[in-house]
């Protein structure tokens, strides 16, 4: 069967209300005057990955459960305006939403509305099978009900990636995703022993590759037992918001993966895409394009070669 989709993104559709605060953590006060204002826009983890992949020229299809509400209309409009195919199933609790508090340095605190989904939420298995049959790869968000799609995707023969975000290495909810994906992304934010968690994922699960992002400290790659560290790159403009940086990193990495690049080079792609995302205001959903990403990577590699070092192959 002819593959019509490079990456099928499952889950992670929703709406964020962005609130710029004077500092994080936010001290208690009766009220705050918020400038430049409070804005609601479509764009959560799955949306950002889909947007990033699409901007990089990959044929992308997004599947998720969305409510018949104003927030759902924002998600539909985002995909329609960007030309990204969206298959939706009805979500009785309403479209997923969150409030993002963003500090002056770009750090953010997300407050997720956990009442919007239910343990009984499910995709139609036939829909997942149909979309997976024409896809090369599936990227699965850790939102309900995506865990139930993993066996179906495995049977369909697609490779799978997932992002555990700020997993602490213990919460059992994340394990189904961590142990059934071929490529696992996660943040070091909540980890007490990053290398141990990465090796545990690879040792107990299917993943040949585990990537842990560490913000300004760069990222760590575990591939076939070898752990390497890639430093962060200087963003092309001032950092204004870190929201979506991990999703951009995953998008860049997947561009390299589907092009057959070595994981160390895929990490460099992700590093450049993530740095770019930090320069985009939280009220926008712009992503780096393929030409800019490849040109930046080429410049980095040229500069490193002149210094006699490899940009993404340093032992951790």
C-alpha atoms as a PDB file:
ATOM      1  CA  UNK A   1       0.000   0.000   0.000  1.00  0.00           C
ATOM      2  CA  UNK A   2       1.279   3.450  -0.933  1.00  0.00           C
ATOM      3  CA  UNK A   3       2.341   5.534   2.066  1.00  0.00           C
ATOM      4  CA  UNK A   4       0.543   8.877   1.988  1.00  0.00           C
ATOM      5  CA  UNK A   5       1.746  10.150   5.363  1.00  0.00           C
ATOM      6  CA  UNK A   6       5.253  10.565   6.715  1.00  0.00           C
ATOM      7  CA  UNK A   7       4.157  11.027  10.332  1.00  0.00           C
ATOM      8  CA  UNK A   8       0.824  10.286  11.956  1.00  0.00           C
ATOM      9  CA  UNK A   9       0.528  12.362  15.150  1.00  0.00           C
ATOM     10  CA  UNK A  10      -1.865  10.964  17.724  1.00  0.00           C
ATOM     11  CA  UNK A  11      -3.265  13.050  20.571  1.00  0.00           C
ATOM     12  CA  UNK A  12      -2.117  16.317  22.095  1.00  0.00           C
ATOM     13  CA  UNK A  13      -4.673  18.643  20.457  1.00  0.00           C
ATOM     14  CA  UNK A  14      -5.935  21.466  22.619  1.00  0.00           C
ATOM     15  CA  UNK A  15      -6.051  25.124  23.531  1.00  0.00           C
ATOM     16  CA  UNK A  16      -3.826  27.206  25.806  1.00  0.00           C
ATOM     17  CA  UNK A  17      -4.654  30.453  27.553  1.00  0.00           C
ATOM     18  CA  UNK A  18      -1.373  32.357  27.811  1.00  0.00           C
ATOM     19  CA  UNK A  19      -0.839  34.668  30.781  1.00  0.00           C
ATOM     20  CA  UNK A  20       2.361  36.706  31.041  1.00  0.00           C
ATOM     21  CA  UNK A  21       3.353  37.111  34.683  1.00  0.00           C
ATOM     22  CA  UNK A  22       6.046  39.336  36.234  1.00  0.00           C
ATOM     23  CA  UNK A  23       7.921  36.374  37.734  1.00  0.00           C
ATOM     24  CA  UNK A  24       7.781  32.636  38.417  1.00  0.00           C
ATOM     25  CA  UNK A  25       6.969  31.406  40.959  1.00  0.00           C
ATOM     26  CA  UNK A  26       4.230  34.016  41.206  1.00  0.00           C
ATOM     27  CA  UNK A  27       3.963  35.553  44.699  1.00  0.00           C
ATOM     28  CA  UNK A  28       0.501  35.655  46.212  1.00  0.00           C
ATOM     29  CA  UNK A  29      -1.431  38.849  45.557  1.00  0.00           C
ATOM     30  CA  UNK A  30      -5.067  39.847  45.332  1.00  0.00           C
ATOM     31  CA  UNK A  31      -4.646  40.720  41.661  1.00  0.00           C
ATOM     32  CA  UNK A  32      -2.119  41.418  38.904  1.00  0.00           C
ATOM     33  CA  UNK A  33      -2.306  43.725  35.895  1.00  0.00           C
ATOM     34  CA  UNK A  34      -1.276  41.552  32.931  1.00  0.00           C
ATOM     35  CA  UNK A  35       0.500  43.017  29.934  1.00  0.00           C
ATOM     36  CA  UNK A  36       0.692  42.530  26.978  1.00  0.00           C
ATOM     37  CA  UNK A  37      -2.582  40.822  27.809  1.00  0.00           C
ATOM     38  CA  UNK A  38      -4.162  37.393  28.110  1.00  0.00           C
ATOM     39  CA  UNK A  39      -4.672  35.413  24.910  1.00  0.00           C
ATOM     40  CA  UNK A  40      -6.226  32.046  24.100  1.00  0.00           C
ATOM     41  CA  UNK A  41      -4.908  30.163  21.093  1.00  0.00           C
ATOM     42  CA  UNK A  42      -4.939  26.619  19.734  1.00  0.00           C
ATOM     43  CA  UNK A  43      -1.758  24.645  20.242  1.00  0.00           C
ATOM     44  CA  UNK A  44      -0.757  21.911  22.662  1.00  0.00           C
ATOM     45  CA  UNK A  45       1.888  19.207  22.381  1.00  0.00           C
ATOM     46  CA  UNK A  46       0.418  17.220  19.483  1.00  0.00           C
ATOM     47  CA  UNK A  47      -0.537  20.379  17.615  1.00  0.00           C
ATOM     48  CA  UNK A  48       2.987  21.761  17.953  1.00  0.00           C
ATOM     49  CA  UNK A  49       4.592  18.537  16.753  1.00  0.00           C
ATOM     50  CA  UNK A  50       2.245  18.425  13.766  1.00  0.00           C
ATOM     51  CA  UNK A  51       2.951  22.082  12.955  1.00  0.00           C
ATOM     52  CA  UNK A  52       6.696  21.535  13.282  1.00  0.00           C
ATOM     53  CA  UNK A  53       6.701  18.484  11.032  1.00  0.00           C
ATOM     54  CA  UNK A  54       4.532  20.222   8.445  1.00  0.00           C
ATOM     55  CA  UNK A  55       6.818  23.281   8.417  1.00  0.00           C
ATOM     56  CA  UNK A  56       9.766  20.947   7.799  1.00  0.00           C
ATOM     57  CA  UNK A  57       8.059  19.571   4.698  1.00  0.00           C
ATOM     58  CA  UNK A  58       6.898  16.224   6.093  1.00  0.00           C
ATOM     59  CA  UNK A  59       3.466  14.903   5.160  1.00  0.00           C
ATOM     60  CA  UNK A  60       1.672  15.012   8.473  1.00  0.00           C
ATOM     61  CA  UNK A  61      -1.741  13.834   9.665  1.00  0.00           C
ATOM     62  CA  UNK A  62      -3.137  14.544  13.138  1.00  0.00           C
ATOM     63  CA  UNK A  63      -5.668  12.359  14.970  1.00  0.00           C
ATOM     64  CA  UNK A  64      -7.286  13.310  18.260  1.00  0.00           C
ATOM     65  CA  UNK A  65     -10.510  13.657  20.208  1.00  0.00           C
ATOM     66  CA  UNK A  66     -11.939  17.189  20.134  1.00  0.00           C
ATOM     67  CA  UNK A  67     -15.030  18.726  21.665  1.00  0.00           C
ATOM     68  CA  UNK A  68     -17.954  20.421  19.926  1.00  0.00           C
ATOM     69  CA  UNK A  69     -17.059  23.769  21.464  1.00  0.00           C
ATOM     70  CA  UNK A  70     -15.276  27.059  20.853  1.00  0.00           C
ATOM     71  CA  UNK A  71     -11.905  25.555  21.790  1.00  0.00           C
ATOM     72  CA  UNK A  72     -12.466  22.772  19.283  1.00  0.00           C
ATOM     73  CA  UNK A  73     -13.197  25.344  16.597  1.00  0.00           C
ATOM     74  CA  UNK A  74      -9.837  26.978  17.332  1.00  0.00           C
ATOM     75  CA  UNK A  75      -8.042  23.639  16.898  1.00  0.00           C
ATOM     76  CA  UNK A  76      -9.899  22.916  13.655  1.00  0.00           C
ATOM     77  CA  UNK A  77      -9.106  26.381  12.305  1.00  0.00           C
ATOM     78  CA  UNK A  78      -5.407  26.023  13.159  1.00  0.00           C
ATOM     79  CA  UNK A  79      -5.110  22.824  11.139  1.00  0.00           C
ATOM     80  CA  UNK A  80      -7.276  24.117   8.306  1.00  0.00           C
ATOM     81  CA  UNK A  81      -5.299  27.359   8.007  1.00  0.00           C
ATOM     82  CA  UNK A  82      -1.960  25.521   8.006  1.00  0.00           C
ATOM     83  CA  UNK A  83      -3.137  22.805   5.616  1.00  0.00           C
ATOM     84  CA  UNK A  84      -2.588  19.939   8.045  1.00  0.00           C
ATOM     85  CA  UNK A  85      -5.098  17.060   7.724  1.00  0.00           C
ATOM     86  CA  UNK A  86      -6.977  16.486  10.979  1.00  0.00           C
ATOM     87  CA  UNK A  87      -9.112  13.462  11.802  1.00  0.00           C
ATOM     88  CA  UNK A  88     -11.210  14.084  14.880  1.00  0.00           C
ATOM     89  CA  UNK A  89     -13.313  11.965  17.171  1.00  0.00           C
ATOM     90  CA  UNK A  90     -15.874  13.530  19.531  1.00  0.00           C
ATOM     91  CA  UNK A  91     -14.689  14.313  23.058  1.00  0.00           C
ATOM     92  CA  UNK A  92     -17.648  14.496  25.404  1.00  0.00           C
ATOM     93  CA  UNK A  93     -15.820  16.434  28.100  1.00  0.00           C
ATOM     94  CA  UNK A  94     -14.807  19.191  25.707  1.00  0.00           C
ATOM     95  CA  UNK A  95     -11.570  20.078  23.963  1.00  0.00           C
ATOM     96  CA  UNK A  96      -8.486  19.845  26.171  1.00  0.00           C
ATOM     97  CA  UNK A  97      -7.320  23.160  27.571  1.00  0.00           C
ATOM     98  CA  UNK A  98      -4.632  24.607  29.797  1.00  0.00           C
ATOM     99  CA  UNK A  99      -3.466  27.899  31.285  1.00  0.00           C
ATOM    100  CA  UNK A 100       0.204  28.748  30.696  1.00  0.00           C
ATOM    101  CA  UNK A 101       1.879  31.224  33.017  1.00  0.00           C
ATOM    102  CA  UNK A 102       4.911  32.655  31.185  1.00  0.00           C
ATOM    103  CA  UNK A 103       7.664  34.531  33.031  1.00  0.00           C
ATOM    104  CA  UNK A 104       9.883  37.320  31.629  1.00  0.00           C
ATOM    105  CA  UNK A 105      12.702  34.823  31.008  1.00  0.00           C
ATOM    106  CA  UNK A 106      10.472  32.592  28.884  1.00  0.00           C
ATOM    107  CA  UNK A 107       9.956  29.861  31.485  1.00  0.00           C
ATOM    108  CA  UNK A 108       6.410  28.611  31.789  1.00  0.00           C
ATOM    109  CA  UNK A 109       4.127  26.858  34.230  1.00  0.00           C
ATOM    110  CA  UNK A 110       1.224  24.934  32.677  1.00  0.00           C
ATOM    111  CA  UNK A 111      -2.045  24.259  34.472  1.00  0.00           C
ATOM    112  CA  UNK A 112      -3.935  21.475  32.673  1.00  0.00           C
ATOM    113  CA  UNK A 113      -7.688  20.994  32.938  1.00  0.00           C
ATOM    114  CA  UNK A 114      -7.837  17.312  33.893  1.00  0.00           C
ATOM    115  CA  UNK A 115     -11.654  17.297  33.803  1.00  0.00           C
ATOM    116  CA  UNK A 116     -11.776  17.353  30.013  1.00  0.00           C
ATOM    117  CA  UNK A 117     -10.993  13.676  29.422  1.00  0.00           C
ATOM    118  CA  UNK A 118     -12.228  10.413  30.864  1.00  0.00           C
ATOM    119  CA  UNK A 119     -10.762   6.932  31.264  1.00  0.00           C
ATOM    120  CA  UNK A 120     -13.434   5.606  28.902  1.00  0.00           C
ATOM    121  CA  UNK A 121     -12.378   7.849  25.981  1.00  0.00           C
ATOM    122  CA  UNK A 122     -11.287   5.756  22.998  1.00  0.00           C
ATOM    123  CA  UNK A 123     -10.449   6.132  19.317  1.00  0.00           C
ATOM    124  CA  UNK A 124     -12.230   3.813  16.922  1.00  0.00           C
ATOM    125  CA  UNK A 125      -9.699   1.045  16.315  1.00  0.00           C
ATOM    126  CA  UNK A 126     -10.639   0.921  12.638  1.00  0.00           C
ATOM    127  CA  UNK A 127      -9.734   4.622  12.280  1.00  0.00           C
ATOM    128  CA  UNK A 128      -6.320   4.105  13.851  1.00  0.00           C
ATOM    129  CA  UNK A 129      -5.649   1.098  11.630  1.00  0.00           C
ATOM    130  CA  UNK A 130      -6.707   2.967   8.499  1.00  0.00           C
ATOM    131  CA  UNK A 131      -4.476   5.957   9.195  1.00  0.00           C
ATOM    132  CA  UNK A 132      -1.527   3.844  10.355  1.00  0.00           C
ATOM    133  CA  UNK A 133      -1.689   1.684   7.227  1.00  0.00           C
ATOM    134  CA  UNK A 134      -0.645   4.637   5.058  1.00  0.00           C
ATOM    135  CA  UNK A 135       1.939   6.140   7.463  1.00  0.00           C
ATOM    136  CA  UNK A 136       5.677   5.592   7.810  1.00  0.00           C
ATOM    137  CA  UNK A 137       5.874   6.666  11.439  1.00  0.00           C
ATOM    138  CA  UNK A 138       3.589   7.513  14.366  1.00  0.00           C
ATOM    139  CA  UNK A 139       4.299  10.060  17.088  1.00  0.00           C
ATOM    140  CA  UNK A 140       2.092   9.432  20.110  1.00  0.00           C
ATOM    141  CA  UNK A 141       1.270  12.061  22.738  1.00  0.00           C
ATOM    142  CA  UNK A 142       0.818  10.832  26.295  1.00  0.00           C
ATOM    143  CA  UNK A 143      -2.747  12.139  26.458  1.00  0.00           C
ATOM    144  CA  UNK A 144      -5.823   9.993  26.960  1.00  0.00           C
ATOM    145  CA  UNK A 145      -6.678   7.726  25.068  1.00  0.00           C
ATOM    146  CA  UNK A 146      -3.418   7.295  23.135  1.00  0.00           C
ATOM    147  CA  UNK A 147      -2.027   4.457  25.251  1.00  0.00           C
ATOM    148  CA  UNK A 148      -4.667   2.159  23.785  1.00  0.00           C
ATOM    149  CA  UNK A 149      -3.445   2.843  20.248  1.00  0.00           C
ATOM    150  CA  UNK A 150       0.080   1.523  20.846  1.00  0.00           C
ATOM    151  CA  UNK A 151      -0.657  -2.189  20.211  1.00  0.00           C
ATOM    152  CA  UNK A 152      -2.639  -1.273  17.086  1.00  0.00           C
ATOM    153  CA  UNK A 153       0.210   0.847  15.752  1.00  0.00           C
ATOM    154  CA  UNK A 154       2.656  -1.942  16.491  1.00  0.00           C
ATOM    155  CA  UNK A 155       0.510  -4.416  14.529  1.00  0.00           C
ATOM    156  CA  UNK A 156       0.386  -1.931  11.641  1.00  0.00           C
ATOM    157  CA  UNK A 157       4.172  -2.031  11.401  1.00  0.00           C
ATOM    158  CA  UNK A 158       4.905   1.685  11.826  1.00  0.00           C
ATOM    159  CA  UNK A 159       7.779   2.900  13.948  1.00  0.00           C
ATOM    160  CA  UNK A 160       6.663   4.798  17.043  1.00  0.00           C
ATOM    161  CA  UNK A 161       7.985   7.765  18.993  1.00  0.00           C
ATOM    162  CA  UNK A 162       6.610   9.403  22.121  1.00  0.00           C
ATOM    163  CA  UNK A 163       7.462  12.271  24.443  1.00  0.00           C
ATOM    164  CA  UNK A 164       7.180  11.627  28.182  1.00  0.00           C
ATOM    165  CA  UNK A 165       7.787  15.322  28.939  1.00  0.00           C
ATOM    166  CA  UNK A 166       8.589  15.860  32.641  1.00  0.00           C
ATOM    167  CA  UNK A 167       8.220  12.231  33.730  1.00  0.00           C
ATOM    168  CA  UNK A 168       9.765  11.478  37.097  1.00  0.00           C
ATOM    169  CA  UNK A 169      10.762   7.971  36.039  1.00  0.00           C
ATOM    170  CA  UNK A 170       8.265   6.453  38.470  1.00  0.00           C
ATOM    171  CA  UNK A 171       4.680   7.419  37.577  1.00  0.00           C
ATOM    172  CA  UNK A 172       3.172   4.221  36.084  1.00  0.00           C
ATOM    173  CA  UNK A 173       0.929   6.123  33.662  1.00  0.00           C
ATOM    174  CA  UNK A 174       3.907   6.912  31.435  1.00  0.00           C
ATOM    175  CA  UNK A 175       5.288   3.382  31.331  1.00  0.00           C
ATOM    176  CA  UNK A 176       3.007   2.090  28.563  1.00  0.00           C
ATOM    177  CA  UNK A 177       4.378   4.833  26.318  1.00  0.00           C
ATOM    178  CA  UNK A 178       7.995   4.531  27.505  1.00  0.00           C
ATOM    179  CA  UNK A 179       8.195   0.793  26.967  1.00  0.00           C
ATOM    180  CA  UNK A 180       6.337   0.455  23.666  1.00  0.00           C
ATOM    181  CA  UNK A 181       7.965   3.198  21.583  1.00  0.00           C
ATOM    182  CA  UNK A 182      11.019   2.852  19.350  1.00  0.00           C
ATOM    183  CA  UNK A 183      12.190   6.413  20.086  1.00  0.00           C
ATOM    184  CA  UNK A 184      11.498   7.984  23.478  1.00  0.00           C
ATOM    185  CA  UNK A 185      11.877  11.681  24.277  1.00  0.00           C
ATOM    186  CA  UNK A 186      11.720  13.054  27.813  1.00  0.00           C
ATOM    187  CA  UNK A 187      12.864  16.030  29.847  1.00  0.00           C
ATOM    188  CA  UNK A 188      15.431  15.890  32.637  1.00  0.00           C
ATOM    189  CA  UNK A 189      13.343  18.339  34.703  1.00  0.00           C
ATOM    190  CA  UNK A 190      11.905  15.837  37.187  1.00  0.00           C
ATOM    191  CA  UNK A 191      14.605  13.155  37.024  1.00  0.00           C
ATOM    192  CA  UNK A 192      16.963  12.438  39.898  1.00  0.00           C
ATOM    193  CA  UNK A 193      19.221  10.181  37.802  1.00  0.00           C
ATOM    194  CA  UNK A 194      18.866  10.888  34.084  1.00  0.00           C
ATOM    195  CA  UNK A 195      21.191   8.161  32.811  1.00  0.00           C
ATOM    196  CA  UNK A 196      19.625   5.487  35.009  1.00  0.00           C
ATOM    197  CA  UNK A 197      16.125   6.372  33.783  1.00  0.00           C
ATOM    198  CA  UNK A 198      17.234   6.387  30.154  1.00  0.00           C
ATOM    199  CA  UNK A 199      18.928   3.015  30.484  1.00  0.00           C
ATOM    200  CA  UNK A 200      15.907   1.610  32.314  1.00  0.00           C
ATOM    201  CA  UNK A 201      13.641   2.642  29.429  1.00  0.00           C
ATOM    202  CA  UNK A 202      15.953   1.041  26.874  1.00  0.00           C
ATOM    203  CA  UNK A 203      16.547  -2.044  28.994  1.00  0.00           C
ATOM    204  CA  UNK A 204      12.905  -2.856  29.727  1.00  0.00           C
ATOM    205  CA  UNK A 205      11.255  -1.561  26.554  1.00  0.00           C
ATOM    206  CA  UNK A 206      11.527  -1.561  22.781  1.00  0.00           C
ATOM    207  CA  UNK A 207      13.431   1.704  22.398  1.00  0.00           C
ATOM    208  CA  UNK A 208      16.795   1.599  20.694  1.00  0.00           C
ATOM    209  CA  UNK A 209      17.032   5.363  21.166  1.00  0.00           C
ATOM    210  CA  UNK A 210      16.207   7.534  24.187  1.00  0.00           C
ATOM    211  CA  UNK A 211      16.697  11.306  24.175  1.00  0.00           C
ATOM    212  CA  UNK A 212      16.571  13.460  27.313  1.00  0.00           C
ATOM    213  CA  UNK A 213      16.399  17.222  26.780  1.00  0.00           C
ATOM    214  CA  UNK A 214      17.941  19.470  29.429  1.00  0.00           C
ATOM    215  CA  UNK A 215      17.104  23.002  28.312  1.00  0.00           C
ATOM    216  CA  UNK A 216      20.114  25.302  28.251  1.00  0.00           C
ATOM    217  CA  UNK A 217      22.341  22.335  29.147  1.00  0.00           C
ATOM    218  CA  UNK A 218      21.572  20.637  25.835  1.00  0.00           C
ATOM    219  CA  UNK A 219      20.452  17.026  25.580  1.00  0.00           C
ATOM    220  CA  UNK A 220      21.534  13.438  26.167  1.00  0.00           C
ATOM    221  CA  UNK A 221      21.269  10.628  23.645  1.00  0.00           C
ATOM    222  CA  UNK A 222      21.299   6.947  24.521  1.00  0.00           C
ATOM    223  CA  UNK A 223      21.661   4.867  21.371  1.00  0.00           C
ATOM    224  CA  UNK A 224      22.683   1.207  21.296  1.00  0.00           C
ATOM    225  CA  UNK A 225      24.061   1.489  24.809  1.00  0.00           C
ATOM    226  CA  UNK A 226      26.226   4.572  24.222  1.00  0.00           C
ATOM    227  CA  UNK A 227      25.382   7.809  26.048  1.00  0.00           C
ATOM    228  CA  UNK A 228      26.444  11.080  24.420  1.00  0.00           C
ATOM    229  CA  UNK A 229      25.796  14.733  25.226  1.00  0.00           C
ATOM    230  CA  UNK A 230      24.929  17.454  22.733  1.00  0.00           C
ATOM    231  CA  UNK A 231      25.303  21.050  23.958  1.00  0.00           C
ATOM    232  CA  UNK A 232      22.583  23.597  23.350  1.00  0.00           C
ATOM    233  CA  UNK A 233      23.000  26.042  20.480  1.00  0.00           C
ATOM    234  CA  UNK A 234      22.613  29.790  20.717  1.00  0.00           C
ATOM    235  CA  UNK A 235      19.047  30.758  19.740  1.00  0.00           C
ATOM    236  CA  UNK A 236      18.833  33.014  16.663  1.00  0.00           C
ATOM    237  CA  UNK A 237      16.998  35.712  18.675  1.00  0.00           C
ATOM    238  CA  UNK A 238      16.213  36.498  22.335  1.00  0.00           C
ATOM    239  CA  UNK A 239      14.461  33.750  24.289  1.00  0.00           C
ATOM    240  CA  UNK A 240      10.860  34.781  24.939  1.00  0.00           C
ATOM    241  CA  UNK A 241       9.058  31.484  25.635  1.00  0.00           C
ATOM    242  CA  UNK A 242      10.156  27.884  26.159  1.00  0.00           C
ATOM    243  CA  UNK A 243       6.655  26.506  25.544  1.00  0.00           C
ATOM    244  CA  UNK A 244       6.765  24.084  22.621  1.00  0.00           C
ATOM    245  CA  UNK A 245      10.557  23.794  22.554  1.00  0.00           C
ATOM    246  CA  UNK A 246      10.424  20.071  23.316  1.00  0.00           C
ATOM    247  CA  UNK A 247       7.821  19.528  20.624  1.00  0.00           C
ATOM    248  CA  UNK A 248       9.987  21.403  18.132  1.00  0.00           C
ATOM    249  CA  UNK A 249      12.973  19.270  19.171  1.00  0.00           C
ATOM    250  CA  UNK A 250      10.964  16.102  18.475  1.00  0.00           C
ATOM    251  CA  UNK A 251       9.889  17.441  15.070  1.00  0.00           C
ATOM    252  CA  UNK A 252      13.456  18.212  14.070  1.00  0.00           C
ATOM    253  CA  UNK A 253      14.668  14.835  15.294  1.00  0.00           C
ATOM    254  CA  UNK A 254      11.963  13.028  13.298  1.00  0.00           C
ATOM    255  CA  UNK A 255      12.974  14.898  10.143  1.00  0.00           C
ATOM    256  CA  UNK A 256      16.429  13.376  10.495  1.00  0.00           C
ATOM    257  CA  UNK A 257      15.062   9.962  11.443  1.00  0.00           C
ATOM    258  CA  UNK A 258      12.883   9.701   8.352  1.00  0.00           C
ATOM    259  CA  UNK A 259      15.776  10.897   6.195  1.00  0.00           C
ATOM    260  CA  UNK A 260      17.907   8.013   7.492  1.00  0.00           C
ATOM    261  CA  UNK A 261      20.335  10.182   9.463  1.00  0.00           C
ATOM    262  CA  UNK A 262      22.338   8.833  12.396  1.00  0.00           C
ATOM    263  CA  UNK A 263      20.653   9.582  15.767  1.00  0.00           C
ATOM    264  CA  UNK A 264      23.468  11.973  16.722  1.00  0.00           C
ATOM    265  CA  UNK A 265      22.677  14.104  13.685  1.00  0.00           C
ATOM    266  CA  UNK A 266      18.950  13.795  14.362  1.00  0.00           C
ATOM    267  CA  UNK A 267      19.641  15.271  17.803  1.00  0.00           C
ATOM    268  CA  UNK A 268      21.409  18.213  16.170  1.00  0.00           C
ATOM    269  CA  UNK A 269      18.327  18.790  13.992  1.00  0.00           C
ATOM    270  CA  UNK A 270      16.192  18.725  17.123  1.00  0.00           C
ATOM    271  CA  UNK A 271      18.528  21.063  18.986  1.00  0.00           C
ATOM    272  CA  UNK A 272      18.317  23.700  16.266  1.00  0.00           C
ATOM    273  CA  UNK A 273      14.528  23.416  15.996  1.00  0.00           C
ATOM    274  CA  UNK A 274      14.110  23.642  19.772  1.00  0.00           C
ATOM    275  CA  UNK A 275      16.323  26.729  20.013  1.00  0.00           C
ATOM    276  CA  UNK A 276      14.270  28.433  17.319  1.00  0.00           C
ATOM    277  CA  UNK A 277      11.033  27.653  19.174  1.00  0.00           C
ATOM    278  CA  UNK A 278      12.293  29.503  22.254  1.00  0.00           C
ATOM    279  CA  UNK A 279      12.379  32.737  20.230  1.00  0.00           C
ATOM    280  CA  UNK A 280       8.703  32.534  19.217  1.00  0.00           C
ATOM    281  CA  UNK A 281       6.205  34.346  21.489  1.00  0.00           C
ATOM    282  CA  UNK A 282       3.832  32.023  23.332  1.00  0.00           C
ATOM    283  CA  UNK A 283       0.847  33.563  21.584  1.00  0.00           C
ATOM    284  CA  UNK A 284       2.113  32.386  18.182  1.00  0.00           C
ATOM    285  CA  UNK A 285       2.605  28.950  16.625  1.00  0.00           C
ATOM    286  CA  UNK A 286       5.414  29.568  14.142  1.00  0.00           C
ATOM    287  CA  UNK A 287       7.912  26.767  13.477  1.00  0.00           C
ATOM    288  CA  UNK A 288      11.311  26.645  11.811  1.00  0.00           C
ATOM    289  CA  UNK A 289      11.308  25.729   8.117  1.00  0.00           C
ATOM    290  CA  UNK A 290      13.331  22.966   6.506  1.00  0.00           C
ATOM    291  CA  UNK A 291      15.674  25.279   4.577  1.00  0.00           C
ATOM    292  CA  UNK A 292      16.551  27.336   7.668  1.00  0.00           C
ATOM    293  CA  UNK A 293      17.083  24.251   9.825  1.00  0.00           C
ATOM    294  CA  UNK A 294      19.373  22.515   7.334  1.00  0.00           C
ATOM    295  CA  UNK A 295      21.347  25.705   6.720  1.00  0.00           C
ATOM    296  CA  UNK A 296      21.854  26.247  10.450  1.00  0.00           C
ATOM    297  CA  UNK A 297      22.951  22.646  10.964  1.00  0.00           C
ATOM    298  CA  UNK A 298      25.419  22.963   8.080  1.00  0.00           C
ATOM    299  CA  UNK A 299      26.877  26.119   9.637  1.00  0.00           C
ATOM    300  CA  UNK A 300      27.252  24.412  13.013  1.00  0.00           C
ATOM    301  CA  UNK A 301      28.933  21.386  11.473  1.00  0.00           C
ATOM    302  CA  UNK A 302      31.300  23.577   9.445  1.00  0.00           C
ATOM    303  CA  UNK A 303      32.265  25.561  12.526  1.00  0.00           C
ATOM    304  CA  UNK A 304      32.831  22.420  14.588  1.00  0.00           C
ATOM    305  CA  UNK A 305      34.847  20.793  11.835  1.00  0.00           C
ATOM    306  CA  UNK A 306      37.119  23.840  11.737  1.00  0.00           C
ATOM    307  CA  UNK A 307      37.724  23.391  15.467  1.00  0.00           C
ATOM    308  CA  UNK A 308      38.327  19.664  15.050  1.00  0.00           C
ATOM    309  CA  UNK A 309      35.287  18.570  17.090  1.00  0.00           C
ATOM    310  CA  UNK A 310      32.003  16.857  16.316  1.00  0.00           C
ATOM    311  CA  UNK A 311      28.901  18.853  17.370  1.00  0.00           C
ATOM    312  CA  UNK A 312      26.866  15.900  18.570  1.00  0.00           C
ATOM    313  CA  UNK A 313      29.267  13.149  19.572  1.00  0.00           C
ATOM    314  CA  UNK A 314      30.645  14.039  22.959  1.00  0.00           C
ATOM    315  CA  UNK A 315      30.616  11.258  25.563  1.00  0.00           C
ATOM    316  CA  UNK A 316      28.300  12.163  28.435  1.00  0.00           C
END
